[in-house]
Amino acid sequence: QVQLVESGGGLVQAGGSLRLSCAASGRTFSSVAMGWFRQAPGKEREFIAAISWSGDRTYYKDSVQGRFTISRDNAKNMVYLQMNSLKPEDTAEYYCAARSGPMARTSESDYTYWGQGTQVTVSS
């Protein structure tokens, strides 16, 4: 079992940056892939970024590629999402998620464990 807690959300102006953190617990953390998703009002939860268990493989949603960076530190049981050049369209609740396998995946259905979410609001 993996437990996840997100932090780092907040209010930022367009063009600014935020770093989201996901603190994970569980002895299997180092061997599972991780992902970030977000959900805006009136929309379904969407994939943002994913990273393999070793950190050597990543995937990004097209609209955030080049602006967002997912990373992990297995020694610290942490996953991060560095968000730069934020846009109002990035406003959403952001969720950290964990798979039950080591390979990075981009579909919500591929993830088993979820955090409670952290709100990111980008003003114009």
C-alpha atoms as a PDB file:
ATOM      1  CA  GLN A   1       0.000   0.000   0.000  1.00  0.00           C
ATOM      2  CA  VAL A   2       1.112   3.553  -0.783  1.00  0.00           C
ATOM      3  CA  GLN A   3      -0.121   6.658   1.009  1.00  0.00           C
ATOM      4  CA  LEU A   4       0.235  10.042  -0.697  1.00  0.00           C
ATOM      5  CA  VAL A   5      -0.028  13.605   0.585  1.00  0.00           C
ATOM      6  CA  GLU A   6       0.277  16.600  -1.736  1.00  0.00           C
ATOM      7  CA  SER A   7       1.426  20.068  -0.793  1.00  0.00           C
ATOM      8  CA  GLY A   8       2.678  23.247  -2.419  1.00  0.00           C
ATOM      9  CA  GLY A   9      -0.438  24.546  -4.095  1.00  0.00           C
ATOM     10  CA  GLY A  10      -1.525  28.139  -3.875  1.00  0.00           C
ATOM     11  CA  LEU A  11      -2.336  31.320  -5.720  1.00  0.00           C
ATOM     12  CA  VAL A  12       0.125  32.611  -8.285  1.00  0.00           C
ATOM     13  CA  GLN A  13       0.028  35.138 -11.091  1.00  0.00           C
ATOM     14  CA  ALA A  14       0.301  34.070 -14.697  1.00  0.00           C
ATOM     15  CA  GLY A  15       3.906  33.469 -15.635  1.00  0.00           C
ATOM     16  CA  GLY A  16       4.848  32.471 -12.130  1.00  0.00           C
ATOM     17  CA  SER A  17       6.023  29.169 -10.739  1.00  0.00           C
ATOM     18  CA  LEU A  18       5.027  26.654  -8.116  1.00  0.00           C
ATOM     19  CA  ARG A  19       6.497  23.374  -6.998  1.00  0.00           C
ATOM     20  CA  LEU A  20       4.115  20.697  -5.857  1.00  0.00           C
ATOM     21  CA  SER A  21       5.347  17.988  -3.561  1.00  0.00           C
ATOM     22  CA  CYS A  22       3.979  14.545  -2.891  1.00  0.00           C
ATOM     23  CA  ALA A  23       5.090  12.753   0.225  1.00  0.00           C
ATOM     24  CA  ALA A  24       4.730   9.012  -0.110  1.00  0.00           C
ATOM     25  CA  SER A  25       4.843   6.244   2.416  1.00  0.00           C
ATOM     26  CA  GLY A  26       4.934   2.516   2.005  1.00  0.00           C
ATOM     27  CA  ARG A  27       7.715   0.062   1.466  1.00  0.00           C
ATOM     28  CA  THR A  28       6.844  -0.448  -2.194  1.00  0.00           C
ATOM     29  CA  PHE A  29       7.177   3.221  -3.145  1.00  0.00           C
ATOM     30  CA  SER A  30      10.580   2.886  -4.779  1.00  0.00           C
ATOM     31  CA  SER A  31       9.315   0.249  -7.192  1.00  0.00           C
ATOM     32  CA  VAL A  32       6.172   1.989  -8.451  1.00  0.00           C
ATOM     33  CA  ALA A  33       5.609   4.611 -11.089  1.00  0.00           C
ATOM     34  CA  MET A  34       4.078   7.928 -10.090  1.00  0.00           C
ATOM     35  CA  GLY A  35       1.931  10.498 -11.787  1.00  0.00           C
ATOM     36  CA  TRP A  36       0.312  13.886 -11.461  1.00  0.00           C
ATOM     37  CA  PHE A  37      -3.239  14.625 -12.534  1.00  0.00           C
ATOM     38  CA  ARG A  38      -5.462  17.669 -12.276  1.00  0.00           C
ATOM     39  CA  GLN A  39      -9.143  18.436 -12.303  1.00  0.00           C
ATOM     40  CA  ALA A  40     -10.689  21.796 -13.100  1.00  0.00           C
ATOM     41  CA  PRO A  41     -14.292  22.723 -12.294  1.00  0.00           C
ATOM     42  CA  GLY A  42     -16.693  21.114 -14.728  1.00  0.00           C
ATOM     43  CA  LYS A  43     -14.024  18.903 -16.232  1.00  0.00           C
ATOM     44  CA  GLU A  44     -12.854  15.358 -15.752  1.00  0.00           C
ATOM     45  CA  ARG A  45      -9.556  14.608 -14.124  1.00  0.00           C
ATOM     46  CA  GLU A  46      -6.768  14.705 -16.687  1.00  0.00           C
ATOM     47  CA  PHE A  47      -3.262  13.362 -16.914  1.00  0.00           C
ATOM     48  CA  ILE A  48      -0.435  15.834 -16.433  1.00  0.00           C
ATOM     49  CA  ALA A  49       2.819  13.929 -15.973  1.00  0.00           C
ATOM     50  CA  ALA A  50       4.176  10.511 -15.081  1.00  0.00           C
ATOM     51  CA  ILE A  51       7.513   9.095 -14.046  1.00  0.00           C
ATOM     52  CA  SER A  52       8.802   5.539 -13.916  1.00  0.00           C
ATOM     53  CA  TRP A  53      10.002   3.904 -10.737  1.00  0.00           C
ATOM     54  CA  SER A  54      13.631   4.721 -11.497  1.00  0.00           C
ATOM     55  CA  GLY A  55      12.952   8.225 -12.771  1.00  0.00           C
ATOM     56  CA  ASP A  56      14.483   7.527 -16.170  1.00  0.00           C
ATOM     57  CA  ARG A  57      11.241   7.698 -18.147  1.00  0.00           C
ATOM     58  CA  THR A  58       8.690  10.491 -18.107  1.00  0.00           C
ATOM     59  CA  TYR A  59       5.535  11.469 -19.961  1.00  0.00           C
ATOM     60  CA  TYR A  60       3.790  14.815 -20.132  1.00  0.00           C
ATOM     61  CA  LYS A  61       0.517  16.206 -21.313  1.00  0.00           C
ATOM     62  CA  ASP A  62       1.201  18.229 -24.451  1.00  0.00           C
ATOM     63  CA  SER A  63      -0.043  21.479 -22.952  1.00  0.00           C
ATOM     64  CA  VAL A  64       2.414  21.339 -20.050  1.00  0.00           C
ATOM     65  CA  GLN A  65       5.453  19.828 -21.741  1.00  0.00           C
ATOM     66  CA  GLY A  66       8.343  22.240 -21.550  1.00  0.00           C
ATOM     67  CA  ARG A  67       6.769  24.078 -18.630  1.00  0.00           C
ATOM     68  CA  PHE A  68       6.257  21.330 -16.061  1.00  0.00           C
ATOM     69  CA  THR A  69       8.828  18.857 -14.808  1.00  0.00           C
ATOM     70  CA  ILE A  70       8.109  15.738 -12.807  1.00  0.00           C
ATOM     71  CA  SER A  71      10.844  14.277 -10.657  1.00  0.00           C
ATOM     72  CA  ARG A  72      11.266  11.908  -7.767  1.00  0.00           C
ATOM     73  CA  ASP A  73      13.629  11.200  -4.937  1.00  0.00           C
ATOM     74  CA  ASN A  74      13.162   7.630  -3.855  1.00  0.00           C
ATOM     75  CA  ALA A  75      15.543   8.000  -0.948  1.00  0.00           C
ATOM     76  CA  LYS A  76      13.216  10.643   0.478  1.00  0.00           C
ATOM     77  CA  ASN A  77       9.978   9.058  -0.737  1.00  0.00           C
ATOM     78  CA  MET A  78       9.082  12.264  -2.552  1.00  0.00           C
ATOM     79  CA  VAL A  79       7.658  13.142  -5.951  1.00  0.00           C
ATOM     80  CA  TYR A  80       7.647  16.679  -7.304  1.00  0.00           C
ATOM     81  CA  LEU A  81       5.975  18.679 -10.007  1.00  0.00           C
ATOM     82  CA  GLN A  82       7.811  21.859 -10.878  1.00  0.00           C
ATOM     83  CA  MET A  83       5.430  24.179 -12.691  1.00  0.00           C
ATOM     84  CA  ASN A  84       6.843  27.153 -14.560  1.00  0.00           C
ATOM     85  CA  SER A  85       5.265  29.737 -16.833  1.00  0.00           C
ATOM     86  CA  LEU A  86       1.896  29.069 -15.285  1.00  0.00           C
ATOM     87  CA  LYS A  87      -1.220  30.029 -17.178  1.00  0.00           C
ATOM     88  CA  PRO A  88      -4.783  30.633 -15.980  1.00  0.00           C
ATOM     89  CA  GLU A  89      -5.774  27.423 -17.755  1.00  0.00           C
ATOM     90  CA  ASP A  90      -3.556  25.540 -15.305  1.00  0.00           C
ATOM     91  CA  THR A  91      -5.945  26.386 -12.492  1.00  0.00           C
ATOM     92  CA  ALA A  92      -7.152  23.104 -11.025  1.00  0.00           C
ATOM     93  CA  GLU A  93      -6.939  20.707  -8.152  1.00  0.00           C
ATOM     94  CA  TYR A  94      -3.728  18.725  -8.568  1.00  0.00           C
ATOM     95  CA  TYR A  95      -3.452  15.112  -7.472  1.00  0.00           C
ATOM     96  CA  CYS A  96      -0.511  12.842  -6.928  1.00  0.00           C
ATOM     97  CA  ALA A  97      -1.045   9.211  -7.861  1.00  0.00           C
ATOM     98  CA  ALA A  98       0.820   5.931  -7.654  1.00  0.00           C
ATOM     99  CA  ARG A  99       0.626   2.814  -9.769  1.00  0.00           C
ATOM    100  CA  SER A 100       1.052  -0.724  -8.611  1.00  0.00           C
ATOM    101  CA  GLY A 101       3.782  -1.284 -11.215  1.00  0.00           C
ATOM    102  CA  PRO A 102       7.114   0.266 -12.178  1.00  0.00           C
ATOM    103  CA  MET A 103       6.372   1.603 -15.666  1.00  0.00           C
ATOM    104  CA  ALA A 104       5.062   5.088 -16.269  1.00  0.00           C
ATOM    105  CA  ARG A 105       1.531   5.295 -17.650  1.00  0.00           C
ATOM    106  CA  THR A 106      -0.700   8.153 -18.729  1.00  0.00           C
ATOM    107  CA  SER A 107      -4.211   6.898 -18.005  1.00  0.00           C
ATOM    108  CA  GLU A 108      -6.079   7.522 -14.789  1.00  0.00           C
ATOM    109  CA  SER A 109      -7.211   3.904 -14.765  1.00  0.00           C
ATOM    110  CA  ASP A 110      -3.589   2.759 -14.504  1.00  0.00           C
ATOM    111  CA  TYR A 111      -3.216   4.280 -11.049  1.00  0.00           C
ATOM    112  CA  THR A 112      -4.219   2.699  -7.798  1.00  0.00           C
ATOM    113  CA  TYR A 113      -3.396   5.196  -5.054  1.00  0.00           C
ATOM    114  CA  TRP A 114      -4.336   8.864  -4.867  1.00  0.00           C
ATOM    115  CA  GLY A 115      -3.620  11.822  -2.664  1.00  0.00           C
ATOM    116  CA  GLN A 116      -6.228  14.299  -1.461  1.00  0.00           C
ATOM    117  CA  GLY A 117      -5.188  17.021  -3.873  1.00  0.00           C
ATOM    118  CA  THR A 118      -3.806  20.530  -3.633  1.00  0.00           C
ATOM    119  CA  GLN A 119      -5.358  23.585  -5.233  1.00  0.00           C
ATOM    120  CA  VAL A 120      -3.454  25.632  -7.786  1.00  0.00           C
ATOM    121  CA  THR A 121      -4.976  28.926  -8.863  1.00  0.00           C
ATOM    122  CA  VAL A 122      -3.345  31.051 -11.539  1.00  0.00           C
ATOM    123  CA  SER A 123      -4.585  34.599 -11.900  1.00  0.00           C
ATOM    124  CA  SER A 124      -4.293  36.763 -14.985  1.00  0.00           C
END
